[in-house]
Amino acid sequence: MSLESRVRETARLLKTFTGETNAELAAAWHCSEPLVRRKLSGARGGGGTISLADVEKWAAHWGITPAELLMGYAALHEAGRLPHALRHAKATGQQRF
């Protein structure tokens, strides 16, 4: 698995874990919802490539380090670094962008 694929897979799994929608991620990441879809799906062209700036922004949003995002979901889970606070805030309607 390529590093970009691992980051994409981890982002999709974190999105599922937190219960966030593409619209909520777009607001948090300061981009459009179609761009979020392209980046998470791996669509080539039109901004579907994941940059280091994306990794930094996404990691900050989920309260993890860029290195942790690069390591993948399983490593985050094993280290107890999944964003439980964000998941709870979303579930209770307290999430702020």
Protein backbone atom coordinates (compact mmCIF):
# COMPACT_ATOMS: atom_id res chain seq x y z
CA MET A 1 0.00 0.00 0.00
CA SER A 2 1.39 3.41 -0.92
CA LEU A 3 1.76 6.09 1.73
CA GLU A 4 -0.90 8.23 0.03
CA SER A 5 -3.30 5.27 0.01
CA ARG A 6 -2.62 4.65 3.71
CA VAL A 7 -3.35 8.30 4.56
CA ARG A 8 -6.52 8.20 2.46
CA GLU A 9 -7.68 4.98 4.11
CA THR A 10 -6.87 6.34 7.58
CA ALA A 11 -8.78 9.55 6.85
CA ARG A 12 -11.83 7.59 5.69
CA LEU A 13 -11.70 5.38 8.79
CA LEU A 14 -11.31 8.40 11.10
CA LYS A 15 -14.23 10.07 9.35
CA THR A 16 -16.31 6.96 10.03
CA PHE A 17 -15.04 6.70 13.62
CA THR A 18 -15.98 10.31 14.40
CA GLY A 19 -19.25 10.20 12.43
CA GLU A 20 -18.30 13.29 10.45
CA THR A 21 -19.84 14.04 7.08
CA ASN A 22 -18.03 15.32 4.00
CA ALA A 23 -19.72 18.69 4.56
CA GLU A 24 -18.38 18.86 8.13
CA LEU A 25 -14.88 17.93 6.99
CA ALA A 26 -15.05 20.55 4.25
CA ALA A 27 -15.90 23.20 6.85
CA ALA A 28 -13.15 22.01 9.19
CA TRP A 29 -10.56 21.75 6.41
CA HIS A 30 -11.62 25.04 4.75
CA CYS A 31 -12.30 23.53 1.35
CA SER A 32 -15.27 22.43 -0.74
CA GLU A 33 -17.24 19.25 -0.19
CA PRO A 34 -16.45 17.99 -3.72
CA LEU A 35 -12.73 18.41 -2.94
CA VAL A 36 -13.11 16.34 0.24
CA ARG A 37 -14.81 13.60 -1.82
CA ARG A 38 -12.02 13.66 -4.44
CA LYS A 39 -9.26 13.49 -1.83
CA LEU A 40 -10.90 10.68 0.14
CA SER A 41 -11.71 8.67 -2.99
CA GLY A 42 -8.33 9.12 -4.65
CA ALA A 43 -9.75 10.71 -7.78
CA ARG A 44 -6.90 11.92 -9.95
CA GLY A 45 -6.95 15.44 -11.28
CA GLY A 46 -8.97 18.26 -9.85
CA GLY A 47 -7.23 18.17 -6.48
CA GLY A 48 -7.57 14.49 -5.59
CA THR A 49 -3.91 14.16 -4.61
CA ILE A 50 -3.10 14.39 -0.90
CA SER A 51 -0.39 16.93 -0.07
CA LEU A 52 1.78 17.31 3.02
CA ALA A 53 -0.26 20.42 3.83
CA ASP A 54 -3.38 18.21 3.79
CA VAL A 55 -1.71 15.74 6.16
CA GLU A 56 -0.86 18.56 8.58
CA LYS A 57 -4.35 20.08 8.38
CA TRP A 58 -6.15 16.76 8.75
CA ALA A 59 -3.98 15.63 11.66
CA ALA A 60 -4.57 18.92 13.47
CA HIS A 61 -8.32 18.55 12.96
CA TRP A 62 -8.32 15.08 14.52
CA GLY A 63 -5.92 16.05 17.33
CA ILE A 64 -3.14 13.74 16.23
CA THR A 65 0.31 14.37 14.79
CA PRO A 66 1.05 14.17 11.07
CA ALA A 67 3.33 11.21 11.84
CA GLU A 68 0.44 9.38 13.50
CA LEU A 69 -1.77 9.99 10.46
CA LEU A 70 0.98 8.62 8.24
CA MET A 71 1.31 5.48 10.41
CA GLY A 72 -2.28 4.49 9.75
CA TYR A 73 -5.48 3.68 11.59
CA ALA A 74 -4.31 0.42 13.18
CA ALA A 75 -1.32 2.16 14.77
CA LEU A 76 -3.59 4.93 16.09
CA HIS A 77 -5.95 2.35 17.54
CA GLU A 78 -3.16 0.33 19.16
CA ALA A 79 -1.61 3.47 20.68
CA GLY A 80 -4.96 4.66 22.05
CA ARG A 81 -4.79 7.81 19.91
CA LEU A 82 -8.19 7.70 18.18
CA PRO A 83 -10.02 11.05 18.48
CA HIS A 84 -12.56 10.01 21.13
CA ALA A 85 -13.21 13.62 22.21
CA LEU A 86 -14.16 14.62 18.66
CA ARG A 87 -16.37 11.54 18.34
CA HIS A 88 -18.13 12.44 21.61
CA ALA A 89 -18.54 16.10 20.60
CA LYS A 90 -20.11 15.06 17.30
CA ALA A 91 -22.44 12.58 19.02
CA THR A 92 -23.62 15.20 21.53
CA GLY A 93 -23.91 18.06 19.04
CA GLN A 94 -21.05 20.05 20.59
CA GLN A 95 -18.66 19.91 17.65
CA ARG A 96 -17.42 23.31 16.47
CA PHE A 97 -15.63 24.09 13.21
